[in-house]
Each structure stands twice: as structure tokens, then as C-alpha cells.
């Protein structure tokens, strides 16, 4: 299994460094994604296996230029705290979906807001005009968070509320 050569820009905030995910991040991503308090709100609500993540990383993520994923590191400790992503519907599309996943111990510390604000700046600088987020209707923490980030509900797809934010 080789590393991807995908170019994901390095982003910085006051307390975080955001770098492209790597295969070495598998254990962290699987641990965070396999937390019942997390996966119950996913479109495919199940524990993620390492095998599933590696297959996604190599076959889907590695071949899809519309999808960027960042691992967030704390600058003070170097510890990994979460994963943030942006996926365009197609290359050069001015609309994208944002995603976020934090380790349990990193929630409610302001890290997600800091990372999402920086990613929104990057999106704006890269011709993304509208960001969307799909949030499970029962995920109150995520609903509160995305609304604090300035996103507004704009419909529903099944059990997911579709939020939007214009960046320009």
C-alpha cells in the first residue's frame, strides 16, 4: 500500500495545523468513526473497519480529485484531533459539502469552529461560493455547531437536514 500523491494544501489556524490525510491516519480515523455516539448519525450507521477505510482511501479517495480531507493536529502537542473535508460535486464546481469528525476529547474546545472557519476561507479563495452540510436531524450538537458557523437549513433529505452557507 503506497501513499497517495494527492495535493491537499496545508492550512494553519492559531492552534491547529491541517494537513492532507495519509494512510498512517487509519487507526485514528477508524477509532473516531467507530464511536457509537458518532456513527449513529452517519448515512451508513455502522462501525468502520480498517479494511473499509483502506479500501475507501485507495480506491475512492485516491482517485477522486473533487474530495479533500485534512487531518487536524494541535500545534501545542502535535496530537491528532479530527478530520475535516470538502467535496465538490464535480471538478471546478462552485458548490461543495463540508464534513467534520472530532475525537471525543477534542469536542467542545473550539477546535472545530477554528478549523471550519479556516477551511471556509480556503474555499472562498478557491472559487467555492456555497458550502453545504448534511446533518442528521437528531444530532443536536452538530446542528448547534453548524448554525453557529452561519449555515442555514435549506431542506431535508430523509433524516438529514441540508444546511447551506454562501461564502461570497
Protein backbone atom coordinates (compact mmCIF):
# COMPACT_ATOMS: atom_id res chain seq x y z
CA UNK A 1 0.00 0.00 0.00
CA UNK A 2 1.59 3.24 -1.15
CA UNK A 3 0.89 6.79 -0.09
CA UNK A 4 -1.32 8.95 -2.25
CA UNK A 5 0.19 11.79 -4.21
CA UNK A 6 -2.94 13.89 -3.77
CA UNK A 7 -2.15 17.56 -3.26
CA UNK A 8 -4.03 18.83 -0.24
CA UNK A 9 -2.98 22.31 0.83
CA UNK A 10 -1.57 22.72 4.32
CA UNK A 11 -3.71 25.15 6.33
CA UNK A 12 -2.98 26.78 9.69
CA UNK A 13 -5.04 28.37 12.43
CA UNK A 14 -3.98 29.80 15.76
CA UNK A 15 -3.99 26.38 17.46
CA UNK A 16 -4.15 23.89 14.59
CA UNK A 17 -2.30 22.63 11.55
CA UNK A 18 -4.42 20.96 8.87
CA UNK A 19 -2.63 18.54 6.53
CA UNK A 20 -3.86 16.02 3.98
CA UNK A 21 -4.85 12.66 5.45
CA UNK A 22 -2.49 9.75 4.93
CA UNK A 23 -2.81 6.00 5.19
CA UNK A 24 -1.00 6.23 8.55
CA UNK A 25 -4.07 8.06 9.89
CA UNK A 26 -6.23 4.95 9.50
CA UNK A 27 -6.17 3.88 13.17
CA UNK A 28 -7.27 7.33 14.37
CA UNK A 29 -9.99 7.74 11.75
CA UNK A 30 -11.36 4.24 12.38
CA UNK A 31 -11.36 4.83 16.15
CA UNK A 32 -13.21 8.16 15.87
CA UNK A 33 -15.64 6.94 13.18
CA UNK A 34 -16.41 3.77 15.18
CA UNK A 35 -17.64 5.67 18.24
CA UNK A 36 -21.35 4.83 18.58
CA UNK A 37 -22.07 8.45 19.53
CA UNK A 38 -20.65 9.38 16.11
CA UNK A 39 -21.62 6.64 13.67
CA UNK A 40 -25.29 6.66 14.68
CA UNK A 41 -25.56 9.96 12.78
CA UNK A 42 -23.88 8.80 9.55
CA UNK A 43 -25.77 7.86 6.38
CA UNK A 44 -24.29 4.38 6.79
CA UNK A 45 -24.52 3.94 10.59
CA UNK A 46 -22.04 1.20 11.46
CA UNK A 47 -18.59 0.74 12.98
CA UNK A 48 -15.91 1.39 10.40
CA UNK A 49 -13.27 -1.29 9.93
CA UNK A 50 -9.66 -0.65 8.96
CA UNK A 51 -10.25 -2.72 5.83
CA UNK A 52 -13.18 -0.48 4.81
CA UNK A 53 -11.21 2.70 5.42
CA UNK A 54 -8.15 1.48 3.50
CA UNK A 55 -10.34 0.41 0.55
CA UNK A 56 -12.04 3.85 0.53
CA UNK A 57 -8.71 5.64 0.83
CA UNK A 58 -7.04 3.75 -2.01
CA UNK A 59 -9.91 3.20 -4.42
CA UNK A 60 -12.30 6.13 -3.93
CA UNK A 61 -10.47 8.98 -2.22
CA UNK A 62 -7.27 8.37 -4.12
CA UNK A 63 -8.97 8.66 -7.49
CA UNK A 64 -11.43 11.49 -6.76
CA UNK A 65 -9.97 14.96 -7.33
CA UNK A 66 -13.14 16.64 -6.07
CA UNK A 67 -12.57 15.46 -2.49
CA UNK A 68 -10.09 16.91 0.01
CA UNK A 69 -9.61 15.64 3.58
CA UNK A 70 -7.46 17.26 6.26
CA UNK A 71 -6.14 15.74 9.47
CA UNK A 72 -6.14 18.38 12.22
CA UNK A 73 -3.15 18.49 14.58
CA UNK A 74 -2.85 20.55 17.75
CA UNK A 75 0.15 22.85 17.49
CA UNK A 76 0.91 22.65 21.23
CA UNK A 77 1.04 18.83 21.45
CA UNK A 78 1.20 17.62 17.85
CA UNK A 79 -1.72 15.33 18.63
CA UNK A 80 -4.29 14.40 16.02
CA UNK A 81 -7.73 15.70 16.94
CA UNK A 82 -10.01 15.23 13.95
CA UNK A 83 -10.69 15.11 10.24
CA UNK A 84 -12.28 17.81 8.09
CA UNK A 85 -13.29 17.53 4.47
CA UNK A 86 -14.61 19.35 1.44
CA UNK A 87 -16.15 17.56 -1.52
CA UNK A 88 -17.23 19.30 -4.72
CA UNK A 89 -19.95 17.70 -6.80
CA UNK A 90 -17.56 17.80 -9.76
CA UNK A 91 -14.24 19.42 -10.58
CA UNK A 92 -14.37 23.23 -10.55
CA UNK A 93 -17.93 23.25 -9.22
CA UNK A 94 -18.68 26.34 -7.11
CA UNK A 95 -20.59 24.30 -4.55
CA UNK A 96 -19.13 21.84 -2.05
CA UNK A 97 -20.10 19.83 1.00
CA UNK A 98 -18.15 20.24 4.22
CA UNK A 99 -17.66 17.46 6.77
CA UNK A 100 -16.06 17.16 10.18
CA UNK A 101 -15.23 14.44 12.68
CA UNK A 102 -13.55 15.10 16.03
CA UNK A 103 -12.00 12.85 18.63
CA UNK A 104 -14.15 12.60 21.76
CA UNK A 105 -11.63 14.51 23.91
CA UNK A 106 -11.39 17.37 21.37
CA UNK A 107 -15.09 18.22 21.27
CA UNK A 108 -16.42 21.43 22.85
CA UNK A 109 -12.96 23.06 22.83
CA UNK A 110 -13.47 25.39 19.86
CA UNK A 111 -11.22 23.35 17.55
CA UNK A 112 -13.98 22.51 15.06
CA UNK A 113 -15.00 26.14 14.68
CA UNK A 114 -11.40 27.21 14.22
CA UNK A 115 -10.80 24.58 11.53
CA UNK A 116 -14.09 25.14 9.70
CA UNK A 117 -13.53 28.92 9.59
CA UNK A 118 -10.11 28.38 8.02
CA UNK A 119 -11.48 25.85 5.54
CA UNK A 120 -14.27 28.28 4.59
CA UNK A 121 -11.58 30.92 3.88
CA UNK A 122 -9.71 28.42 1.71
CA UNK A 123 -12.94 27.52 -0.11
CA UNK A 124 -13.71 31.16 -0.77
CA UNK A 125 -10.18 31.68 -2.14
CA UNK A 126 -10.67 28.66 -4.42
CA UNK A 127 -13.91 29.66 -6.14
CA UNK A 128 -16.29 27.75 -3.90
CA UNK A 129 -19.29 30.04 -3.48
CA UNK A 130 -21.65 27.82 -1.49
CA UNK A 131 -20.91 25.27 1.20
CA UNK A 132 -23.41 22.63 2.26
CA UNK A 133 -23.53 20.37 5.28
CA UNK A 134 -25.79 17.39 5.79
CA UNK A 135 -26.61 16.90 9.46
CA UNK A 136 -28.70 14.13 10.99
CA UNK A 137 -31.90 15.62 12.41
CA UNK A 138 -31.19 14.14 15.87
CA UNK A 139 -27.55 15.29 16.10
CA UNK A 140 -28.19 18.32 18.30
CA UNK A 141 -24.51 19.12 18.89
CA UNK A 142 -23.79 19.19 15.17
CA UNK A 143 -26.94 21.22 14.44
CA UNK A 144 -25.92 23.80 17.07
CA UNK A 145 -22.38 23.89 15.69
CA UNK A 146 -23.24 24.29 12.01
CA UNK A 147 -25.78 27.01 12.81
CA UNK A 148 -23.14 28.88 14.87
CA UNK A 149 -20.92 28.71 11.78
CA UNK A 150 -23.59 30.68 9.90
CA UNK A 151 -25.20 27.85 7.93
CA UNK A 152 -28.98 27.91 7.42
CA UNK A 153 -31.30 24.97 6.94
CA UNK A 154 -32.41 24.65 3.33
CA UNK A 155 -34.36 21.42 3.08
CA UNK A 156 -34.22 17.85 4.21
CA UNK A 157 -33.20 14.55 2.63
CA UNK A 158 -34.56 11.66 4.64
CA UNK A 159 -33.34 12.12 8.22
CA UNK A 160 -30.71 14.69 7.20
CA UNK A 161 -31.13 18.45 7.28
CA UNK A 162 -29.37 20.18 4.41
CA UNK A 163 -27.60 23.35 5.54
CA UNK A 164 -26.09 25.98 3.26
CA UNK A 165 -23.80 28.96 3.60
CA UNK A 166 -22.85 31.45 0.88
CA UNK A 167 -19.21 32.41 1.15
CA UNK A 168 -19.07 35.39 -1.20
